[in-house]
N, C-alpha and C. Protein backbone atom coordinates (compact mmCIF):
# COMPACT_ATOMS: atom_id res chain seq x y z
N MET A 1 17.02 -0.24 -0.12
CA MET A 1 16.41 0.80 -0.90
C MET A 1 15.42 1.52 0.01
N THR A 2 15.62 2.80 0.25
CA THR A 2 14.75 3.55 1.14
C THR A 2 13.55 4.14 0.42
N THR A 3 13.71 4.55 -0.81
CA THR A 3 12.61 5.11 -1.59
C THR A 3 11.93 3.97 -2.35
N PRO A 4 10.60 3.90 -2.29
CA PRO A 4 9.92 2.84 -3.05
C PRO A 4 10.21 2.95 -4.54
N VAL A 5 10.38 1.80 -5.18
CA VAL A 5 10.64 1.75 -6.61
C VAL A 5 9.33 1.39 -7.30
N THR A 6 8.90 2.26 -8.21
CA THR A 6 7.71 1.99 -9.01
C THR A 6 8.16 1.49 -10.39
N TYR A 7 7.20 0.97 -11.14
CA TYR A 7 7.52 0.59 -12.51
C TYR A 7 8.05 1.80 -13.28
N GLY A 8 7.43 2.94 -13.07
CA GLY A 8 7.86 4.15 -13.76
C GLY A 8 9.26 4.57 -13.38
N SER A 9 9.59 4.53 -12.08
CA SER A 9 10.94 4.94 -11.67
C SER A 9 11.99 3.94 -12.15
N ALA A 10 11.62 2.68 -12.26
CA ALA A 10 12.56 1.69 -12.80
C ALA A 10 12.85 1.97 -14.26
N ILE A 11 11.81 2.30 -15.04
CA ILE A 11 12.00 2.61 -16.46
C ILE A 11 12.81 3.90 -16.61
N GLU A 12 12.54 4.88 -15.77
CA GLU A 12 13.32 6.12 -15.80
C GLU A 12 14.79 5.85 -15.49
N ALA A 13 15.06 4.97 -14.54
CA ALA A 13 16.45 4.62 -14.21
C ALA A 13 17.11 3.91 -15.39
N ILE A 14 16.39 3.02 -16.05
CA ILE A 14 16.93 2.34 -17.24
C ILE A 14 17.23 3.37 -18.32
N ASP A 15 16.30 4.28 -18.57
CA ASP A 15 16.51 5.30 -19.59
C ASP A 15 17.72 6.18 -19.26
N SER A 16 17.88 6.53 -18.00
CA SER A 16 19.03 7.34 -17.59
C SER A 16 20.34 6.59 -17.81
N LEU A 17 20.35 5.31 -17.43
CA LEU A 17 21.55 4.51 -17.65
C LEU A 17 21.87 4.37 -19.13
N LEU A 18 20.83 4.18 -19.95
CA LEU A 18 21.06 4.08 -21.40
C LEU A 18 21.61 5.38 -21.97
N SER A 19 21.14 6.50 -21.46
CA SER A 19 21.65 7.79 -21.91
C SER A 19 23.12 7.95 -21.50
N GLU A 20 23.42 7.59 -20.27
CA GLU A 20 24.82 7.66 -19.81
C GLU A 20 25.70 6.75 -20.66
N PHE A 21 25.23 5.54 -20.92
CA PHE A 21 25.97 4.57 -21.73
C PHE A 21 26.21 5.13 -23.13
N ALA A 22 25.17 5.68 -23.74
CA ALA A 22 25.28 6.22 -25.11
C ALA A 22 26.25 7.38 -25.18
N ASN A 23 26.35 8.14 -24.08
CA ASN A 23 27.24 9.31 -24.05
C ASN A 23 28.60 8.98 -23.47
N ASN A 24 28.89 7.69 -23.30
CA ASN A 24 30.18 7.24 -22.76
C ASN A 24 30.48 7.84 -21.39
N GLU A 25 29.45 8.04 -20.61
CA GLU A 25 29.60 8.57 -19.25
C GLU A 25 29.60 7.40 -18.27
N PRO A 26 30.16 7.61 -17.08
CA PRO A 26 30.07 6.54 -16.07
C PRO A 26 28.60 6.29 -15.72
N LEU A 27 28.26 5.03 -15.50
CA LEU A 27 26.89 4.69 -15.15
C LEU A 27 26.63 5.05 -13.68
N SER A 28 25.48 5.61 -13.43
CA SER A 28 25.08 6.06 -12.11
C SER A 28 24.84 4.87 -11.18
N VAL A 29 25.51 4.88 -10.04
CA VAL A 29 25.33 3.83 -9.05
C VAL A 29 23.90 3.83 -8.54
N SER A 30 23.32 4.99 -8.30
CA SER A 30 21.96 5.04 -7.77
C SER A 30 20.94 4.50 -8.77
N HIS A 31 21.13 4.80 -10.05
CA HIS A 31 20.23 4.24 -11.06
C HIS A 31 20.43 2.73 -11.19
N ALA A 32 21.68 2.30 -11.10
CA ALA A 32 21.96 0.86 -11.17
C ALA A 32 21.30 0.13 -10.00
N GLU A 33 21.30 0.74 -8.83
CA GLU A 33 20.65 0.11 -7.67
C GLU A 33 19.15 -0.02 -7.88
N VAL A 34 18.54 1.00 -8.47
CA VAL A 34 17.10 0.94 -8.75
C VAL A 34 16.81 -0.18 -9.75
N VAL A 35 17.59 -0.26 -10.81
CA VAL A 35 17.38 -1.29 -11.83
C VAL A 35 17.63 -2.67 -11.24
N SER A 36 18.68 -2.81 -10.46
CA SER A 36 18.98 -4.10 -9.84
C SER A 36 17.83 -4.55 -8.94
N PHE A 37 17.33 -3.64 -8.12
CA PHE A 37 16.20 -3.96 -7.25
C PHE A 37 15.00 -4.39 -8.12
N ALA A 38 14.71 -3.62 -9.14
CA ALA A 38 13.53 -3.87 -9.97
C ALA A 38 13.61 -5.22 -10.68
N VAL A 39 14.74 -5.54 -11.29
CA VAL A 39 14.83 -6.80 -12.04
C VAL A 39 14.85 -8.01 -11.10
N ASN A 40 15.27 -7.80 -9.87
CA ASN A 40 15.30 -8.89 -8.91
C ASN A 40 13.96 -9.09 -8.19
N HIS A 41 13.07 -8.12 -8.32
CA HIS A 41 11.78 -8.21 -7.63
C HIS A 41 10.59 -8.25 -8.58
N ASP A 42 10.84 -8.10 -9.88
CA ASP A 42 9.73 -8.13 -10.83
C ASP A 42 10.25 -8.54 -12.21
N VAL A 43 9.76 -9.65 -12.71
CA VAL A 43 10.25 -10.16 -13.99
C VAL A 43 9.86 -9.25 -15.16
N GLN A 44 8.84 -8.41 -14.99
CA GLN A 44 8.43 -7.51 -16.08
C GLN A 44 9.57 -6.54 -16.42
N ILE A 45 10.26 -6.05 -15.41
CA ILE A 45 11.36 -5.11 -15.67
C ILE A 45 12.51 -5.85 -16.34
N ARG A 46 12.81 -7.06 -15.87
CA ARG A 46 13.83 -7.88 -16.54
C ARG A 46 13.45 -8.11 -17.99
N ASP A 47 12.17 -8.46 -18.21
CA ASP A 47 11.72 -8.74 -19.57
C ASP A 47 11.69 -7.47 -20.43
N TYR A 48 11.50 -6.33 -19.79
CA TYR A 48 11.59 -5.05 -20.51
C TYR A 48 13.01 -4.87 -21.06
N LEU A 49 14.01 -5.15 -20.23
CA LEU A 49 15.40 -5.08 -20.68
C LEU A 49 15.67 -6.13 -21.76
N LEU A 50 15.15 -7.32 -21.56
CA LEU A 50 15.36 -8.42 -22.50
C LEU A 50 14.86 -8.06 -23.89
N GLY A 51 13.71 -7.41 -23.96
CA GLY A 51 13.16 -7.06 -25.26
C GLY A 51 13.63 -5.72 -25.79
N GLY A 52 13.84 -4.77 -24.89
CA GLY A 52 14.15 -3.41 -25.31
C GLY A 52 15.60 -3.15 -25.66
N LEU A 53 16.52 -3.76 -24.93
CA LEU A 53 17.93 -3.47 -25.18
C LEU A 53 18.38 -3.85 -26.59
N PRO A 54 18.06 -5.05 -27.07
CA PRO A 54 18.50 -5.38 -28.43
C PRO A 54 17.86 -4.50 -29.50
N GLU A 55 16.62 -4.05 -29.24
CA GLU A 55 15.97 -3.14 -30.19
C GLU A 55 16.67 -1.79 -30.22
N THR A 56 17.10 -1.34 -29.06
CA THR A 56 17.75 -0.03 -28.94
C THR A 56 19.22 -0.08 -29.31
N LEU A 57 19.91 -1.13 -28.85
CA LEU A 57 21.37 -1.16 -28.95
C LEU A 57 21.94 -2.26 -29.85
N THR A 58 21.14 -3.16 -30.37
CA THR A 58 21.54 -4.42 -31.00
C THR A 58 21.98 -5.40 -29.90
N ALA A 59 22.12 -6.66 -30.26
CA ALA A 59 22.53 -7.68 -29.28
C ALA A 59 23.92 -7.35 -28.73
N ASN A 60 24.84 -6.95 -29.61
CA ASN A 60 26.20 -6.63 -29.14
C ASN A 60 26.21 -5.40 -28.24
N GLY A 61 25.44 -4.39 -28.58
CA GLY A 61 25.35 -3.21 -27.72
C GLY A 61 24.74 -3.55 -26.37
N ALA A 62 23.73 -4.43 -26.38
CA ALA A 62 23.10 -4.87 -25.13
C ALA A 62 24.11 -5.60 -24.25
N ILE A 63 24.95 -6.41 -24.87
CA ILE A 63 26.01 -7.11 -24.12
C ILE A 63 26.92 -6.10 -23.45
N HIS A 64 27.36 -5.10 -24.19
CA HIS A 64 28.25 -4.08 -23.62
C HIS A 64 27.57 -3.30 -22.50
N PHE A 65 26.31 -2.98 -22.68
CA PHE A 65 25.58 -2.25 -21.66
C PHE A 65 25.50 -3.07 -20.37
N ILE A 66 25.09 -4.33 -20.48
CA ILE A 66 24.95 -5.17 -19.29
C ILE A 66 26.32 -5.41 -18.63
N THR A 67 27.36 -5.62 -19.42
CA THR A 67 28.68 -5.84 -18.82
C THR A 67 29.20 -4.58 -18.15
N ASP A 68 28.81 -3.41 -18.62
CA ASP A 68 29.17 -2.17 -17.93
C ASP A 68 28.37 -1.99 -16.64
N LEU A 69 27.15 -2.47 -16.65
CA LEU A 69 26.26 -2.34 -15.49
C LEU A 69 26.60 -3.33 -14.38
N MET A 70 27.04 -4.53 -14.73
CA MET A 70 27.24 -5.61 -13.76
C MET A 70 28.16 -5.25 -12.58
N PRO A 71 29.25 -4.53 -12.76
CA PRO A 71 30.09 -4.22 -11.60
C PRO A 71 29.38 -3.36 -10.55
N LEU A 72 28.29 -2.72 -10.93
CA LEU A 72 27.54 -1.87 -10.00
C LEU A 72 26.46 -2.65 -9.26
N VAL A 73 26.36 -3.94 -9.56
CA VAL A 73 25.32 -4.80 -8.99
C VAL A 73 25.99 -5.82 -8.07
N ALA A 74 25.43 -5.99 -6.88
CA ALA A 74 25.96 -6.98 -5.94
C ALA A 74 25.92 -8.37 -6.58
N GLU A 75 26.93 -9.18 -6.31
CA GLU A 75 27.02 -10.52 -6.90
C GLU A 75 25.75 -11.33 -6.70
N ALA A 76 25.18 -11.26 -5.52
CA ALA A 76 23.96 -12.03 -5.22
C ALA A 76 22.76 -11.58 -6.05
N ASP A 77 22.82 -10.38 -6.61
CA ASP A 77 21.72 -9.82 -7.39
C ASP A 77 21.95 -9.90 -8.90
N ARG A 78 22.97 -10.62 -9.33
CA ARG A 78 23.36 -10.64 -10.74
C ARG A 78 22.67 -11.70 -11.59
N VAL A 79 21.93 -12.61 -10.98
CA VAL A 79 21.34 -13.71 -11.76
C VAL A 79 20.54 -13.20 -12.95
N PRO A 80 19.61 -12.23 -12.78
CA PRO A 80 18.86 -11.77 -13.96
C PRO A 80 19.77 -11.20 -15.05
N PHE A 81 20.85 -10.54 -14.63
CA PHE A 81 21.76 -9.93 -15.60
C PHE A 81 22.55 -11.00 -16.36
N TYR A 82 22.94 -12.06 -15.68
CA TYR A 82 23.61 -13.17 -16.38
C TYR A 82 22.67 -13.84 -17.38
N THR A 83 21.39 -13.94 -17.03
CA THR A 83 20.45 -14.53 -17.99
C THR A 83 20.24 -13.61 -19.19
N LEU A 84 20.22 -12.31 -18.93
CA LEU A 84 20.13 -11.36 -20.06
C LEU A 84 21.34 -11.52 -20.97
N LEU A 85 22.53 -11.62 -20.36
CA LEU A 85 23.73 -11.82 -21.17
C LEU A 85 23.65 -13.12 -21.96
N THR A 86 23.12 -14.16 -21.34
CA THR A 86 22.97 -15.44 -22.04
C THR A 86 22.14 -15.25 -23.32
N ALA A 87 21.01 -14.59 -23.18
CA ALA A 87 20.14 -14.36 -24.34
C ALA A 87 20.83 -13.52 -25.40
N PHE A 88 21.50 -12.45 -24.98
CA PHE A 88 22.14 -11.55 -25.94
C PHE A 88 23.34 -12.20 -26.62
N TYR A 89 24.15 -12.97 -25.86
CA TYR A 89 25.26 -13.69 -26.48
C TYR A 89 24.74 -14.70 -27.49
N HIS A 90 23.68 -15.40 -27.13
CA HIS A 90 23.10 -16.38 -28.05
C HIS A 90 22.60 -15.69 -29.32
N GLU A 91 21.93 -14.58 -29.15
CA GLU A 91 21.43 -13.83 -30.31
C GLU A 91 22.58 -13.31 -31.17
N ALA A 92 23.69 -12.94 -30.53
CA ALA A 92 24.85 -12.45 -31.27
C ALA A 92 25.67 -13.58 -31.89
N GLY A 93 25.29 -14.82 -31.61
CA GLY A 93 25.98 -15.96 -32.21
C GLY A 93 27.17 -16.47 -31.43
N ASP A 94 27.36 -16.02 -30.21
CA ASP A 94 28.48 -16.48 -29.38
C ASP A 94 27.96 -17.47 -28.34
N ASN A 95 27.82 -18.72 -28.77
CA ASN A 95 27.25 -19.72 -27.88
C ASN A 95 28.17 -20.10 -26.73
N ASP A 96 29.48 -19.96 -26.91
CA ASP A 96 30.40 -20.25 -25.80
C ASP A 96 30.15 -19.30 -24.64
N LEU A 97 30.06 -18.01 -24.92
CA LEU A 97 29.80 -17.04 -23.85
C LEU A 97 28.35 -17.13 -23.37
N ALA A 98 27.44 -17.53 -24.23
CA ALA A 98 26.06 -17.74 -23.80
C ALA A 98 26.01 -18.84 -22.76
N TYR A 99 26.69 -19.95 -23.03
CA TYR A 99 26.71 -21.05 -22.06
C TYR A 99 27.47 -20.66 -20.79
N ALA A 100 28.53 -19.88 -20.91
CA ALA A 100 29.28 -19.45 -19.72
C ALA A 100 28.40 -18.57 -18.83
N SER A 101 27.66 -17.66 -19.43
CA SER A 101 26.76 -16.80 -18.66
C SER A 101 25.64 -17.61 -18.03
N LEU A 102 25.11 -18.56 -18.79
CA LEU A 102 24.05 -19.42 -18.29
C LEU A 102 24.55 -20.24 -17.11
N PHE A 103 25.74 -20.79 -17.22
CA PHE A 103 26.33 -21.58 -16.14
C PHE A 103 26.48 -20.73 -14.87
N THR A 104 26.93 -19.49 -15.04
CA THR A 104 27.09 -18.60 -13.89
C THR A 104 25.74 -18.30 -13.25
N ALA A 105 24.74 -18.02 -14.07
CA ALA A 105 23.39 -17.76 -13.54
C ALA A 105 22.89 -18.97 -12.77
N GLN A 106 23.06 -20.15 -13.34
CA GLN A 106 22.58 -21.36 -12.69
C GLN A 106 23.36 -21.68 -11.43
N SER A 107 24.64 -21.32 -11.40
CA SER A 107 25.41 -21.58 -10.18
C SER A 107 24.96 -20.67 -9.04
N LEU A 108 24.44 -19.50 -9.38
CA LEU A 108 23.92 -18.59 -8.36
C LEU A 108 22.49 -18.93 -7.96
N ASN A 109 21.69 -19.45 -8.92
CA ASN A 109 20.31 -19.82 -8.63
C ASN A 109 19.86 -20.85 -9.67
N ALA A 110 19.95 -22.11 -9.29
CA ALA A 110 19.63 -23.20 -10.21
C ALA A 110 18.16 -23.22 -10.62
N ASN A 111 17.31 -22.56 -9.85
CA ASN A 111 15.88 -22.58 -10.12
C ASN A 111 15.36 -21.32 -10.81
N TYR A 112 16.24 -20.45 -11.24
CA TYR A 112 15.81 -19.20 -11.88
C TYR A 112 15.11 -19.53 -13.20
N SER A 113 13.87 -19.10 -13.34
CA SER A 113 13.02 -19.54 -14.46
C SER A 113 13.59 -19.16 -15.83
N LEU A 114 14.12 -17.95 -15.99
CA LEU A 114 14.64 -17.58 -17.30
C LEU A 114 15.87 -18.40 -17.65
N ALA A 115 16.69 -18.74 -16.67
CA ALA A 115 17.85 -19.59 -16.93
C ALA A 115 17.40 -20.96 -17.43
N GLN A 116 16.35 -21.49 -16.83
CA GLN A 116 15.83 -22.79 -17.26
C GLN A 116 15.27 -22.72 -18.68
N LEU A 117 14.55 -21.65 -18.98
CA LEU A 117 14.00 -21.46 -20.33
C LEU A 117 15.12 -21.32 -21.35
N LEU A 118 16.13 -20.53 -21.03
CA LEU A 118 17.24 -20.33 -21.96
C LEU A 118 18.02 -21.62 -22.19
N GLU A 119 18.17 -22.41 -21.14
CA GLU A 119 18.86 -23.69 -21.30
C GLU A 119 18.12 -24.57 -22.32
N ARG A 120 16.80 -24.60 -22.21
CA ARG A 120 16.00 -25.38 -23.17
C ARG A 120 16.08 -24.76 -24.57
N ALA A 121 16.00 -23.45 -24.65
CA ALA A 121 16.01 -22.76 -25.96
C ALA A 121 17.35 -22.95 -26.67
N ILE A 122 18.43 -22.77 -25.94
CA ILE A 122 19.75 -22.90 -26.56
C ILE A 122 20.05 -24.36 -26.87
N GLY A 123 19.69 -25.23 -25.95
CA GLY A 123 19.97 -26.65 -26.12
C GLY A 123 19.22 -27.28 -27.28
N SER A 124 17.99 -26.84 -27.52
CA SER A 124 17.18 -27.45 -28.58
C SER A 124 17.60 -26.96 -29.95
N GLY A 125 18.08 -25.75 -30.02
CA GLY A 125 18.48 -25.19 -31.30
C GLY A 125 17.31 -24.84 -32.19
N GLY A 126 16.11 -25.31 -31.87
CA GLY A 126 14.97 -25.07 -32.73
C GLY A 126 14.11 -23.90 -32.29
N ILE A 127 14.41 -23.32 -31.15
CA ILE A 127 13.62 -22.20 -30.65
C ILE A 127 14.31 -20.90 -31.01
N ASN A 128 13.58 -20.01 -31.66
CA ASN A 128 14.12 -18.70 -32.00
C ASN A 128 13.80 -17.75 -30.85
N PHE A 129 14.75 -17.65 -29.92
CA PHE A 129 14.52 -16.87 -28.72
C PHE A 129 14.35 -15.39 -29.04
N ALA A 130 15.07 -14.89 -30.02
CA ALA A 130 14.95 -13.48 -30.40
C ALA A 130 13.53 -13.18 -30.89
N GLU A 131 12.94 -14.11 -31.61
CA GLU A 131 11.57 -13.93 -32.09
C GLU A 131 10.58 -13.93 -30.92
N LEU A 132 10.76 -14.86 -29.99
CA LEU A 132 9.90 -14.90 -28.81
C LEU A 132 10.00 -13.61 -28.01
N ARG A 133 11.22 -13.15 -27.86
CA ARG A 133 11.48 -11.91 -27.11
C ARG A 133 10.79 -10.73 -27.79
N SER A 134 10.89 -10.66 -29.10
CA SER A 134 10.28 -9.56 -29.85
C SER A 134 8.76 -9.58 -29.76
N GLU A 135 8.18 -10.78 -29.74
CA GLU A 135 6.73 -10.90 -29.61
C GLU A 135 6.25 -10.50 -28.22
N LEU A 136 7.05 -10.82 -27.20
CA LEU A 136 6.68 -10.54 -25.81
C LEU A 136 6.83 -9.06 -25.46
N HIS A 137 7.81 -8.39 -26.05
CA HIS A 137 8.16 -7.04 -25.63
C HIS A 137 7.00 -6.04 -25.67
N PRO A 138 6.20 -5.96 -26.73
CA PRO A 138 5.09 -4.99 -26.72
C PRO A 138 4.10 -5.23 -25.57
N LYS A 139 3.88 -6.49 -25.22
CA LYS A 139 2.98 -6.81 -24.11
C LYS A 139 3.58 -6.36 -22.78
N VAL A 140 4.88 -6.52 -22.63
CA VAL A 140 5.56 -6.09 -21.42
C VAL A 140 5.49 -4.57 -21.30
N VAL A 141 5.75 -3.87 -22.37
CA VAL A 141 5.69 -2.40 -22.37
C VAL A 141 4.29 -1.93 -22.01
N GLU A 142 3.28 -2.55 -22.60
CA GLU A 142 1.89 -2.18 -22.31
C GLU A 142 1.57 -2.37 -20.83
N SER A 143 1.96 -3.49 -20.28
CA SER A 143 1.70 -3.78 -18.87
C SER A 143 2.41 -2.78 -17.96
N ILE A 144 3.65 -2.49 -18.26
CA ILE A 144 4.41 -1.53 -17.45
C ILE A 144 3.77 -0.15 -17.53
N ASN A 145 3.39 0.27 -18.73
CA ASN A 145 2.77 1.59 -18.89
C ASN A 145 1.45 1.69 -18.13
N GLU A 146 0.70 0.60 -18.08
CA GLU A 146 -0.56 0.59 -17.34
C GLU A 146 -0.34 0.65 -15.83
N ASN A 147 0.84 0.24 -15.39
CA ASN A 147 1.12 0.12 -13.96
C ASN A 147 2.28 1.00 -13.49
N ARG A 148 2.54 2.09 -14.20
CA ARG A 148 3.71 2.94 -13.91
C ARG A 148 3.80 3.38 -12.46
N GLU A 149 2.66 3.62 -11.84
CA GLU A 149 2.67 4.15 -10.47
C GLU A 149 2.72 3.06 -9.40
N LEU A 150 2.58 1.82 -9.79
CA LEU A 150 2.61 0.72 -8.81
C LEU A 150 4.01 0.51 -8.27
N VAL A 151 4.08 0.26 -6.97
CA VAL A 151 5.35 0.01 -6.31
C VAL A 151 5.75 -1.44 -6.53
N ILE A 152 7.01 -1.66 -6.87
CA ILE A 152 7.55 -3.01 -7.01
C ILE A 152 7.91 -3.49 -5.63
N LEU A 153 7.36 -4.62 -5.25
CA LEU A 153 7.59 -5.17 -3.90
C LEU A 153 8.64 -6.24 -3.91
């Protein structure tokens, strides 16, 4: 990535991809690269997607969005996206695909924190991950808005 990615430019790239997705247009490779960089270098952007996509698209729409985005992301950079899929599949009630996505994320990075959290949440059955996600999202949005000009390192 030659141009620095800020929190603001990452959110703009997400918004552009969502607009393309909603209009059934091909997803922009350059926007996908910005989002991929951002989610792999800052959990706030990943958590922004985690909380925002289901609110905007529903869990099933979020699944379709991420699966459309994944081919534009290098395999080594897909761990956050597999964890997002895990959460969205679980929320949509498809535990088989939730576990398959979780397994793929863990095979790429066994120590990825969201994968570990999701494994506990799905395995216990007593944690309402959608509720946790909804509670966290406003805080994530506030933090990102306060730091829009900061460069993601």
